[in-house]
Protein backbone atom coordinates (compact mmCIF):
# COMPACT_ATOMS: atom_id res chain seq x y z
CA MET A 1 70.55 28.81 22.62
CA SER A 2 71.93 32.19 23.46
CA ARG A 3 70.95 34.92 20.92
CA GLY A 4 73.96 36.97 21.87
CA VAL A 5 76.07 38.34 18.84
CA ALA A 6 79.73 38.95 18.89
CA GLY A 7 80.96 42.76 18.26
CA GLY A 8 81.63 44.03 14.67
CA SER A 9 78.10 42.55 13.66
CA GLN A 10 74.93 44.34 13.65
CA SER A 11 71.81 42.60 15.39
CA VAL A 12 68.21 43.51 16.15
CA ASN A 13 66.10 42.89 19.34
CA GLN A 14 63.35 41.46 17.95
CA PRO A 15 62.66 39.33 15.16
CA LEU A 16 61.21 40.70 12.18
CA GLY A 17 57.60 39.81 11.25
CA PRO A 18 56.35 39.39 7.60
CA ALA A 19 55.57 43.15 6.86
CA THR A 20 55.05 43.71 3.28
CA PHE A 21 56.71 46.52 0.98
CA THR A 22 56.18 47.43 -2.63
CA ILE A 23 58.71 47.98 -5.53
CA PRO A 24 57.89 48.98 -9.13
CA LYS A 25 58.08 46.24 -11.89
CA SER A 26 61.54 46.93 -13.21
CA PRO A 27 65.21 45.91 -12.93
CA GLU A 28 65.95 48.49 -10.41
CA GLY A 29 62.80 47.86 -8.40
CA VAL A 30 64.08 44.00 -8.28
CA ALA A 31 67.19 45.48 -7.25
CA THR A 32 65.45 47.24 -4.47
CA ALA A 33 63.77 44.43 -3.21
CA ILE A 34 66.89 42.27 -2.97
CA SER A 35 68.64 44.92 -1.16
CA VAL A 36 65.84 45.16 1.57
CA LEU A 37 64.94 41.10 1.91
CA SER A 38 68.14 40.84 4.08
CA ALA A 39 66.09 42.79 6.73
CA GLY A 40 65.04 39.21 7.97
CA LEU A 41 68.91 38.40 9.32
CA SER A 42 69.16 39.05 12.74
CA THR A 43 72.74 39.18 12.52
CA THR A 44 75.23 40.44 9.99
CA GLY A 45 77.78 37.99 12.30
CA PRO A 46 78.99 34.65 11.60
CA GLU A 47 76.01 33.27 13.54
CA ARG A 48 73.42 33.99 10.39
CA SER A 49 74.78 30.48 9.46
CA HIS A 50 72.32 29.23 12.04
CA PRO A 51 68.77 29.00 10.96
CA GLY A 52 67.89 30.30 14.52
CA TYR A 53 69.36 33.62 13.44
CA ARG A 54 67.76 34.11 10.40
CA MET A 55 63.94 35.12 10.39
CA HIS A 56 61.60 35.30 7.58
CA PRO A 57 62.31 38.15 5.36
CA PRO A 58 59.44 40.95 4.30
CA LEU A 59 57.19 40.04 1.89
CA VAL A 60 57.25 42.15 -1.23
CA GLU A 61 54.76 43.11 -3.96
CA VAL A 62 54.95 44.76 -7.21
CA GLY A 63 53.11 48.36 -7.26
CA THR A 64 53.65 52.00 -9.13
CA GLU A 65 56.33 52.88 -6.83
CA THR A 66 58.92 52.08 -4.06
CA TYR A 67 57.62 51.93 -0.50
CA VAL A 68 59.39 50.44 2.43
CA PRO A 69 57.54 50.88 5.93
CA PRO A 70 60.13 52.71 8.43
CA ARG A 71 60.16 49.18 10.65
CA VAL A 72 61.12 47.55 7.58
CA ARG A 73 63.74 49.89 6.69
CA ARG A 74 65.33 50.20 9.97
CA MET A 75 66.06 46.49 9.98
CA VAL A 76 68.02 46.39 6.63
CA PRO A 77 71.67 45.92 7.55
CA GLN A 78 74.14 48.29 6.59
CA THR A 79 77.29 46.35 5.53
CA GLU A 80 78.99 48.37 3.21
CA ILE A 81 78.93 45.23 0.63
CA VAL A 82 77.75 46.15 -2.64
CA ILE A 83 76.95 43.62 -5.46
CA ASP A 84 76.75 45.48 -8.92
CA VAL A 85 75.00 44.20 -11.77
CA PRO A 86 73.32 44.72 -15.41
CA ALA A 87 70.12 45.84 -15.64
CA SER A 88 68.91 41.87 -16.17
CA TYR A 89 66.74 39.85 -14.58
CA ASP A 90 68.66 36.77 -15.41
CA GLU A 91 71.25 38.16 -13.08
CA LEU A 92 69.35 39.87 -10.58
CA PHE A 93 67.58 36.63 -9.70
CA VAL A 94 71.30 34.69 -9.64
CA VAL A 95 72.60 37.28 -7.23
CA ALA A 96 69.76 37.62 -4.95
CA PRO A 97 70.80 34.54 -2.39
CA LEU A 98 74.13 35.79 -2.16
CA ALA A 99 73.29 39.44 -1.64
CA TYR A 100 70.62 38.33 0.52
CA TYR A 101 73.06 36.38 3.07
CA LEU A 102 75.72 38.68 2.84
CA GLY A 103 73.29 41.70 3.59
CA ALA A 104 74.58 43.33 0.31
CA SER A 105 72.83 46.36 -1.39
CA VAL A 106 72.16 45.53 -5.29
CA ARG A 107 72.78 47.93 -7.55
CA ILE A 108 72.24 48.53 -11.16
CA GLY A 109 74.37 49.63 -14.02
CA SER A 110 77.26 47.92 -14.08
CA GLU A 111 78.34 45.80 -17.38
CA THR A 112 80.39 43.11 -15.36
CA PRO A 113 78.46 42.34 -12.44
CA CYS A 114 81.13 42.57 -9.38
CA ILE A 115 81.17 42.55 -5.87
CA ARG A 116 82.88 45.07 -3.67
CA ALA A 117 83.20 46.57 0.06
CA PRO A 118 86.36 47.93 1.76
CA GLY A 119 88.86 45.61 1.02
CA VAL A 120 87.18 43.51 -1.19
CA HIS A 121 86.48 44.02 -4.99
CA ARG A 122 85.74 40.94 -7.09
CA SER A 123 84.49 40.65 -10.82
CA PHE A 124 82.15 37.83 -11.67
CA GLY A 125 81.85 36.42 -15.28
CA SER A 126 78.68 36.92 -17.46
CA LEU A 127 75.74 34.02 -17.46
CA PRO A 128 76.43 31.20 -17.51
CA ASP A 129 79.34 31.60 -15.36
CA LEU A 130 77.93 34.15 -13.24
CA LYS A 131 75.38 31.66 -11.99
CA TYR A 132 78.53 28.75 -10.71
CA GLU A 133 80.71 31.67 -9.42
CA VAL A 134 77.53 33.22 -7.37
CA ALA A 135 76.78 29.14 -6.05
CA GLU A 136 80.50 28.40 -5.08
CA LEU A 137 80.75 31.76 -3.05
CA LEU A 138 77.80 31.67 -0.71
CA ARG A 139 78.60 28.10 -0.40
CA ARG A 140 82.02 29.06 0.93
CA VAL A 141 80.71 32.13 2.84
CA PHE A 142 78.26 29.91 4.42
CA PHE A 143 80.32 27.09 5.23
CA LEU A 144 83.20 29.39 6.96
CA ASP A 145 80.64 31.12 8.95
CA CYS A 146 79.81 27.52 10.25
CA LEU A 147 83.02 27.06 11.60
CA VAL A 148 83.57 30.35 13.21
CA ARG A 149 80.13 31.13 14.47
CA ASP A 150 79.86 30.24 18.53
CA VAL A 151 75.94 28.94 18.72
CA ALA A 152 76.01 27.24 22.26
CA ASP A 153 76.40 23.29 21.84
CA GLU A 154 75.83 23.01 18.13
CA GLU A 155 79.29 23.40 16.55
CA PRO A 156 81.09 20.77 14.91
CA PRO A 157 84.51 20.77 16.17
CA TYR A 158 86.08 18.30 14.19
CA GLU A 159 85.32 20.59 11.12
CA ARG A 160 86.49 23.76 13.81
CA ALA A 161 90.01 22.24 13.72
CA ALA A 162 90.69 22.72 10.16
CA LEU A 163 90.64 26.53 10.61
CA GLY A 164 93.78 26.80 11.61
CA ASP A 165 95.01 24.84 8.70
CA ILE A 166 93.67 27.09 6.16
CA GLY A 167 94.85 30.35 8.22
CA LEU A 168 91.70 31.64 9.40
CA ASP A 169 91.32 32.78 13.62
CA PRO A 170 87.52 32.52 14.72
CA GLU A 171 87.92 34.84 17.24
CA ALA A 172 89.11 37.50 15.55
CA LEU A 173 86.49 36.82 12.72
CA ARG A 174 83.79 36.86 15.19
CA THR A 175 84.55 40.85 15.97
CA ALA A 176 85.36 41.59 12.26
CA THR A 177 83.21 43.30 10.31
CA PRO A 178 80.96 41.96 7.76
CA ALA A 179 83.22 43.23 4.86
CA GLU A 180 86.68 42.29 6.53
CA ARG A 181 85.12 38.57 7.21
CA LEU A 182 84.30 38.70 3.60
CA SER A 183 87.54 39.31 2.43
CA ALA A 184 89.27 37.02 4.55
CA TYR A 185 86.92 34.30 3.13
CA LEU A 186 87.79 35.42 -0.22
CA GLY A 187 91.47 34.47 0.82
CA VAL A 188 91.07 30.73 1.21
CA LYS A 189 91.71 28.71 -1.69
CA GLN A 190 88.84 27.04 -2.78
CA GLY A 191 90.29 23.56 -3.09
CA THR A 192 91.41 23.38 0.57
CA ILE A 193 87.61 23.35 1.80
CA MET A 194 85.38 22.39 -1.02
CA SER A 195 86.09 18.56 0.00
CA ASN A 196 84.48 19.51 2.91
CA LEU A 197 81.49 21.60 2.01
CA PRO A 198 78.13 19.65 2.74
CA MET A 199 75.80 19.53 -0.24
CA TRP A 200 73.39 22.42 -0.60
CA HIS A 201 69.82 21.62 0.17
CA LEU A 202 67.94 23.33 -2.65
CA SER A 203 68.56 24.91 -6.09
CA THR A 204 65.38 26.58 -7.39
CA TYR A 205 65.13 27.34 -11.16
CA VAL A 206 63.50 30.87 -11.69
CA ALA A 207 61.96 32.02 -14.72
CA PRO A 208 63.75 35.70 -14.93
CA SER A 209 60.13 37.95 -14.88
CA PRO A 210 58.85 40.37 -12.91
CA ASP A 211 55.94 38.13 -12.17
CA MET A 212 58.33 36.26 -9.79
CA ILE A 213 59.40 38.89 -7.61
CA SER A 214 57.17 38.11 -4.99
CA CYS A 215 58.74 34.69 -4.50
CA LEU A 216 61.74 35.74 -3.64
CA PRO A 217 61.08 36.39 0.10
CA PHE A 218 59.86 32.76 0.15
CA LEU A 219 63.43 31.47 -1.67
CA LEU A 220 65.75 33.38 0.37
CA ASP A 221 64.22 32.39 3.43
CA ASP A 222 64.74 28.72 2.41
CA LEU A 223 68.24 30.19 1.49
CA SER A 224 67.91 28.29 -1.80
CA LEU A 225 70.25 29.15 -4.78
CA ILE A 226 68.46 30.74 -7.82
CA TYR A 227 69.46 29.65 -11.47
CA PRO A 228 67.81 30.39 -15.00
CA PRO A 229 65.88 27.41 -16.22
CA ASP A 230 66.99 25.05 -18.79
CA SER A 231 65.25 21.93 -19.69
CA GLU A 232 65.44 19.66 -23.16
CA ASP A 233 62.52 17.23 -24.00
CA MET A 234 62.47 13.81 -22.32
CA ASP A 235 63.26 10.95 -24.75
CA ARG A 236 59.32 9.40 -25.15
CA ASN A 237 60.27 6.64 -27.15
CA GLY A 238 61.99 4.77 -24.30
CA LEU A 239 59.14 5.63 -21.97
CA LEU A 240 57.29 2.54 -21.07
CA GLN A 241 53.95 4.38 -20.43
CA ARG A 242 53.09 4.31 -24.35
CA ALA A 243 52.91 0.96 -24.34
CA LEU A 244 51.19 0.51 -21.30
CA ASP A 245 48.18 2.93 -22.41
CA ASP A 246 45.65 0.24 -23.20
CA PHE A 247 46.06 -1.27 -19.87
CA TYR A 248 43.79 1.98 -18.46
CA ARG A 249 40.41 2.70 -18.37
CA GLY A 250 39.28 6.25 -18.98
CA PRO A 251 40.95 9.35 -20.25
CA VAL A 252 43.29 11.18 -17.86
CA ALA A 253 44.86 14.56 -17.47
CA SER A 254 48.53 13.29 -18.77
CA VAL A 255 51.30 16.09 -18.33
CA ASP A 256 53.92 16.54 -20.64
CA ILE A 257 57.24 16.94 -18.81
CA VAL A 258 60.57 18.08 -19.83
CA ALA A 259 64.16 16.79 -18.38
CA PRO A 260 65.60 19.90 -16.55
CA LYS A 261 69.30 20.62 -16.50
CA LEU A 262 69.72 20.65 -12.60
CA GLN A 263 72.87 21.93 -11.05
CA PRO A 264 74.03 20.00 -7.66
CA ALA A 265 71.63 20.42 -4.73
CA ASP A 266 69.69 17.87 -2.76
CA LEU A 267 66.48 18.99 -3.57
CA HIS A 268 65.29 20.92 -6.95
CA ALA A 269 62.29 23.21 -7.36
CA TRP A 270 61.30 24.60 -10.83
CA LEU A 271 59.02 28.19 -11.02
CA ALA A 272 59.28 28.25 -15.17
CA ASP A 273 56.87 26.97 -17.55
CA ASP A 274 56.86 23.20 -18.61
CA VAL A 275 56.43 20.59 -15.87
CA PRO A 276 59.92 19.08 -15.05
CA ALA A 277 61.25 15.39 -14.25
CA ASP A 278 62.84 15.23 -10.56
CA ALA A 279 61.97 18.77 -9.40
CA TYR A 280 59.02 20.04 -7.57
CA THR A 281 56.67 22.61 -8.68
CA PRO A 282 55.92 25.66 -6.16
CA SER A 283 54.03 28.48 -6.65
CA VAL A 284 53.80 31.93 -4.75
CA GLN A 285 50.14 30.87 -3.08
CA ALA A 286 51.88 27.52 -2.02
CA TYR A 287 54.57 29.86 0.06
CA ARG A 288 51.86 32.04 1.21
CA ASN A 289 49.81 29.18 2.64
CA ARG A 290 53.27 27.79 4.52
CA LEU A 291 53.66 31.17 5.93
CA ALA A 292 49.50 30.97 7.22
CA THR A 293 50.12 27.31 8.57
CA SER A 294 51.69 26.51 11.91
CA LEU A 295 53.55 23.16 12.89
CA PRO A 296 50.98 20.50 13.15
CA GLU A 297 49.92 19.12 16.66
CA THR A 298 51.03 15.52 17.32
CA PRO A 299 49.58 13.12 16.63
CA LEU A 300 49.13 14.20 12.97
CA ASP A 301 45.33 14.27 11.76
CA VAL A 302 45.18 11.79 8.73
CA THR A 303 42.33 11.21 6.25
CA VAL A 304 42.60 7.89 4.41
CA VAL A 305 40.01 7.51 1.42
CA LEU A 306 39.68 4.49 -1.12
CA ASN A 307 37.88 5.11 -4.38
CA ASP A 308 38.88 2.41 -6.13
CA SER A 309 38.62 -1.34 -5.05
CA MET A 310 41.46 -2.23 -7.48
CA MET A 311 43.79 -0.54 -4.74
CA ASP A 312 42.46 -2.29 -1.88
CA GLY A 313 46.07 -3.39 -0.98
CA GLU A 314 47.21 -0.14 -0.78
CA TYR A 315 44.23 1.11 1.31
CA GLU A 316 45.25 -1.83 4.02
CA GLU A 317 48.64 -1.16 4.02
CA VAL A 318 49.01 2.43 4.37
CA ALA A 319 46.31 1.98 7.34
CA GLU A 320 48.94 0.05 9.21
CA VAL A 321 51.59 2.82 8.63
CA TYR A 322 49.37 4.95 10.42
CA ASP A 323 48.47 2.88 13.14
CA ASP A 324 52.28 1.84 13.65
CA THR A 325 53.16 5.74 13.94
CA ASP A 326 50.49 6.59 16.27
CA GLN A 327 48.74 9.07 13.84
CA THR A 328 44.92 10.08 14.50
CA THR A 329 43.47 8.54 11.21
CA THR A 330 40.12 8.36 9.67
CA MET A 331 39.29 5.71 6.96
CA HIS A 332 36.79 6.23 4.25
CA ARG A 333 35.75 3.42 1.48
CA SER A 334 33.64 4.57 -1.73
CA VAL A 335 32.66 8.29 -0.96
CA THR A 336 30.74 10.71 -2.96
CA VAL A 337 31.44 13.58 -4.70
CA ASP A 338 29.79 15.50 -1.95
CA GLU A 339 31.79 13.72 0.90
CA LEU A 340 34.99 13.64 -0.89
CA ALA A 341 34.30 17.74 -1.37
CA GLN A 342 33.97 17.71 2.41
CA ILE A 343 36.93 16.09 3.40
CA PHE A 344 39.52 18.17 1.37
CA GLU A 345 37.42 21.37 2.85
CA ALA A 346 37.65 20.21 6.31
CA GLU A 347 41.23 21.19 8.52
CA SER A 348 43.62 17.99 8.35
CA ASP A 349 47.31 17.72 8.19
CA PHE A 350 47.13 14.97 5.65
CA VAL A 351 44.61 13.63 3.02
CA HIS A 352 45.73 10.17 1.40
CA PHE A 353 43.56 9.99 -1.73
CA ILE A 354 43.74 6.36 -3.70
CA GLY A 355 41.49 5.77 -6.63
CA HIS A 356 41.31 7.40 -10.11
CA CYS A 357 41.59 10.57 -11.61
CA GLU A 358 40.04 11.65 -15.04
CA VAL A 359 40.05 14.71 -17.04
CA GLY A 360 36.80 16.10 -14.96
CA GLY A 361 38.56 15.27 -11.37
CA LEU A 362 38.79 12.55 -9.00
CA GLN A 363 36.58 9.64 -9.42
CA CYS A 364 33.69 8.76 -7.14
CA HIS A 365 30.60 6.13 -7.26
CA ASN A 366 28.68 8.77 -8.26
CA GLY A 367 30.59 11.20 -10.53
CA GLU A 368 33.90 13.28 -10.22
CA LEU A 369 35.11 15.82 -8.13
CA ASP A 370 36.98 18.69 -9.97
CA ILE A 371 38.68 20.20 -6.83
CA GLU A 372 38.56 23.96 -9.16
CA SER A 373 34.58 23.66 -7.92
CA LEU A 374 35.84 24.31 -4.43
CA SER A 375 35.95 27.77 -2.92
CA SER A 376 38.73 26.70 0.12
CA VAL A 377 40.67 23.78 1.12
CA GLY A 378 41.84 22.87 4.69
CA ALA A 379 43.93 20.12 4.02
CA ARG A 380 47.44 21.23 4.46
CA THR A 381 49.09 18.48 2.33
CA PHE A 382 47.81 15.21 0.51
CA PHE A 383 48.96 12.91 -1.66
CA LEU A 384 46.68 12.13 -5.03
CA ASN A 385 47.70 8.61 -5.77
CA ALA A 386 45.56 8.20 -8.86
CA CYS A 387 46.08 8.55 -12.55
CA GLY A 388 46.98 11.94 -14.06
CA SER A 389 46.51 14.08 -10.56
CA TYR A 390 48.54 16.43 -11.30
CA TYR A 391 46.15 19.63 -12.45
CA GLN A 392 43.58 18.49 -9.46
CA GLY A 393 46.67 18.94 -7.00
CA GLN A 394 47.75 22.19 -8.40
CA ALA A 395 44.10 23.18 -7.82
CA LEU A 396 44.25 21.81 -3.95
CA VAL A 397 47.69 24.44 -3.72
CA GLU A 398 45.86 27.18 -5.06
CA ARG A 399 42.80 26.70 -2.71
CA GLY A 400 45.18 26.39 0.67
CA SER A 401 47.21 23.41 0.60
CA VAL A 402 50.58 23.68 1.31
CA ALA A 403 52.16 20.97 -1.15
CA GLY A 404 50.95 17.49 -2.35
CA ALA A 405 52.06 14.43 -4.19
CA VAL A 406 50.95 13.70 -7.46
CA THR A 407 51.04 11.77 -10.49
CA LEU A 408 52.02 12.84 -14.16
CA ARG A 409 50.68 10.45 -15.96
CA LYS A 410 49.12 6.90 -15.82
CA VAL A 411 49.96 4.44 -13.32
CA LEU A 412 49.76 0.95 -12.66
CA ASN A 413 48.23 -0.59 -9.48
CA LYS A 414 51.26 -2.65 -7.81
CA PRO A 415 53.72 0.39 -8.47
CA ALA A 416 51.32 2.76 -7.28
CA ILE A 417 50.65 0.33 -3.71
CA ARG A 418 54.33 0.45 -3.18
CA VAL A 419 54.76 4.38 -3.58
CA GLY A 420 51.90 5.10 -1.62
CA THR A 421 52.85 3.09 1.48
CA THR A 422 56.66 3.94 1.31
CA PHE A 423 55.68 7.68 0.71
CA ALA A 424 53.45 7.78 3.64
CA ARG A 425 55.38 6.25 6.31
CA LEU A 426 58.39 8.38 5.58
CA PHE A 427 56.24 11.73 5.21
CA VAL A 428 54.44 10.89 8.49
CA THR A 429 57.13 10.47 10.24
CA GLY A 430 59.02 13.71 9.17
CA PHE A 431 61.04 13.59 5.76
CA GLY A 432 60.01 16.85 3.90
CA ILE A 433 57.25 15.93 1.08
CA GLU A 434 59.82 16.19 -1.99
CA ARG A 435 62.48 13.89 -0.12
CA ALA A 436 59.85 11.40 0.94
CA MET A 437 58.73 11.13 -2.64
CA GLN A 438 62.59 11.20 -4.00
CA LEU A 439 63.05 8.06 -1.98
CA ALA A 440 59.48 6.64 -2.31
CA ARG A 441 59.91 6.59 -6.03
CA ARG A 442 63.00 4.52 -5.93
CA ARG A 443 60.35 1.51 -5.23
CA ILE A 444 59.68 1.64 -8.77
CA THR A 445 61.01 1.62 -12.67
CA MET A 446 58.56 4.51 -14.07
CA SER A 447 59.86 6.98 -11.33
CA THR A 448 59.04 10.01 -13.57
CA ASP A 449 55.32 9.34 -13.16
CA TYR A 450 55.09 11.01 -9.65
CA ALA A 451 55.55 14.25 -8.42
CA VAL A 452 55.17 17.42 -6.12
CA VAL A 453 53.37 20.34 -6.22
CA GLY A 454 53.40 23.11 -3.77
CA ASP A 455 56.03 23.65 -1.36
CA GLY A 456 57.99 20.60 -1.57
CA THR A 457 60.16 21.63 1.44
CA TYR A 458 57.38 21.08 3.64
CA ALA A 459 57.32 18.66 6.19
CA LEU A 460 54.69 17.68 9.15
CA THR A 461 57.05 17.67 11.90
CA ASP A 462 60.57 19.55 12.87
CA GLU A 463 62.12 15.89 13.34
CA LYS A 464 65.65 15.60 12.36
CA VAL A 465 65.01 12.61 9.70
CA ALA A 466 68.16 10.45 8.43
CA VAL A 467 68.91 8.53 5.02
CA ALA A 468 71.67 5.84 5.37
CA ARG A 469 73.68 3.82 2.33
CA LEU A 470 75.03 0.91 3.03
CA ASN A 471 77.97 -0.46 0.19
CA LYS A 472 79.90 -3.34 0.14
CA ASN A 473 83.40 -2.64 0.77
CA GLY A 474 85.63 -5.76 -0.39
CA ARG A 475 85.20 -7.92 2.68
CA ASN A 476 83.54 -5.39 4.56
CA TYR A 477 80.89 -2.59 4.23
CA THR A 478 81.02 1.29 4.09
CA LEU A 479 77.75 2.88 6.03
CA ASN A 480 77.00 6.42 4.83
CA TYR A 481 74.32 8.35 7.16
CA THR A 482 72.96 12.04 6.09
CA VAL A 483 70.57 14.05 7.89
CA SER A 484 69.18 16.55 5.29
CA PRO A 485 68.73 20.12 6.31
CA ASN A 486 65.39 20.21 4.19
CA ARG A 487 65.07 24.20 4.61
CA HIS A 488 66.92 24.82 7.33
CA PRO A 489 70.52 24.89 6.36
CA GLY A 490 73.43 25.27 9.22
CA GLU A 491 72.07 22.95 12.17
CA CYS A 492 73.75 20.17 13.47
CA TYR A 493 73.02 16.52 13.96
CA TYR A 494 74.80 13.54 15.87
CA ALA A 495 75.26 10.17 13.93
CA PRO A 496 74.53 7.22 16.11
CA PHE A 497 78.34 5.82 15.75
CA GLU A 498 79.83 9.15 16.12
CA LEU A 499 80.28 11.45 19.42
CA TRP A 500 80.37 14.74 18.25
CA PRO A 501 78.02 16.68 16.25
CA ARG A 502 78.67 17.63 12.72
CA LEU A 503 76.46 20.05 9.98
CA THR A 504 73.30 18.67 8.31
CA GLY A 505 73.83 17.65 4.92
CA SER A 506 77.44 16.31 5.26
CA GLN A 507 78.12 12.38 5.63
CA ALA A 508 79.07 10.71 8.39
CA THR A 509 80.71 7.34 7.37
CA THR A 510 81.87 4.27 9.22
CA ASP A 511 83.57 1.16 8.19
CA LEU A 512 81.75 -2.09 9.09
CA ALA A 513 82.67 -5.95 9.62
CA PRO A 514 79.88 -8.00 8.08
CA LYS A 515 79.14 -9.39 11.87
CA ASP A 516 78.13 -5.74 12.76
CA VAL A 517 75.94 -4.43 10.04
CA PRO A 518 72.96 -6.12 11.96
CA ARG A 519 73.58 -4.06 15.42
CA VAL A 520 74.47 -0.95 13.59
CA LEU A 521 71.45 -1.27 11.43
CA GLU A 522 69.34 -2.17 14.29
CA SER A 523 70.50 1.71 16.30
CA LEU A 524 69.57 3.78 13.33
CA SER A 525 65.46 3.95 12.64
CA CYS A 526 65.86 5.36 8.94
CA PRO A 527 65.54 4.11 5.46
CA VAL A 528 68.67 2.41 4.23
CA ILE A 529 69.48 1.98 0.35
CA HIS A 530 71.37 -1.01 0.12
CA ASP A 531 71.89 -2.43 -3.75
CA GLY A 532 70.01 0.08 -5.00
CA GLU A 533 66.82 -0.85 -3.09
CA LEU A 534 65.22 1.00 -0.47
CA SER A 535 64.63 -0.86 3.23
CA TRP A 536 63.83 0.07 6.65
CA ALA A 537 67.13 -0.15 9.10
CA GLU A 538 65.09 -2.79 10.68
CA ASP A 539 64.17 -4.85 8.15
CA LEU A 540 67.55 -4.83 6.60
CA ALA A 541 69.21 -6.03 9.86
CA ASN A 542 66.82 -8.78 10.04
CA ASP A 543 67.88 -9.94 6.69
CA PHE A 544 71.92 -9.87 7.73
CA CYS A 545 70.94 -11.94 10.44
CA GLN A 546 69.31 -14.86 8.09
């Protein structure tokens, strides 16, 4: 891919490594941090919409005063774009993704949030309106940059053709200044592009506290939208779990969960108090572990541990999954406390624990392993398919893992087997861990019993993985096919039944006669959601042939 940058934008010769700068714990310090973090952009041209042009931002720490190393300061873009906000952590965190992507300077003092540049002056509403307006503007600018940019063979020509219809000249915009391009984008009516905008890949709900400042570089590297957290108590009267408690042995470390009020996105992260349903819970340590981790080599190094004979079915099924996907798999049965400790401490790509978890830790035949007793962990990812394993999973992340799947309460064996085998197949074939768990949870009724701790965007491979949906449409069928951007929005992909690339996150659609369904399904090699159930394309194709 060519790294040439069109005139009118700023570029650098070498990518920025994760240097660290310091700011004081204050709204002014956060404003400075956001202004500096755009140093991770290789360009302020429209090519910034491609992940190859967005390097990891510098890291930020809280100290007594501001210190930005000279090499970081030199790389902060000068775009003439300014975002004014009140001296409030709420507003500062909300505007951070937009300011980062635009290379804008953030300033404190205005009672009314606004964005301004030569030829641009737009006021925002106060919260809660601000969070919607900022998200809409970032989505608009990012999408139009994708259409305007010129990045080798990764352009969606069918979408670029729409630029003329909305009055944008891509050649002129590539040579425009950042402020001129922003002005042109603001002139596009929202309704003319909204139907083409891909689903945004990630929303993170961040407690507006200076303690969260260190997470900002990682959230902006993911290009996540940021919202203040808002939730309500779960309606526990309808939860089957209460009625099932008598069927389990031993006390477990169950977690009270809340129902977060989620904004539109493919994935959701929760950086606040409480444990949410339908969102993963990262931490700054998980992000640091990710930064220190390189992409695993293939085949993956997978370890499976069975410490509960009642779960033997999952043990055998996941062994077949890993064998079918050509992983290097080590299988263990009935390990001791010391042996399980050694398994987690050893370097590996993925540890799949099948067993039981009580308040004291993961159960072994000679006692319990409390992960907090370990000084370090070498397993980069894990699945603790054991009742109430949330806190043990958190401890694994704090000691070195990037992410893992856990349970929030007690779970029945048969649903646990369905989730475990489905998750294993999805995760080792390239799905990000939160996306893999989202899909695996479709196999059971009590889907809120499972969650992800750590960085839910983390994937074991860099493969582009897809999900299809097959729906009856009169006498025919409609097939929708999507490749999720995970944490790399702006890339393109080819659907098997199309001849041109499209943006990840956008949906390719085709109508099929019943006789054509098996043939198309056989070409997909991906999970398919049909009649609300999750299947694999080849299995569903066989069903249609019968």
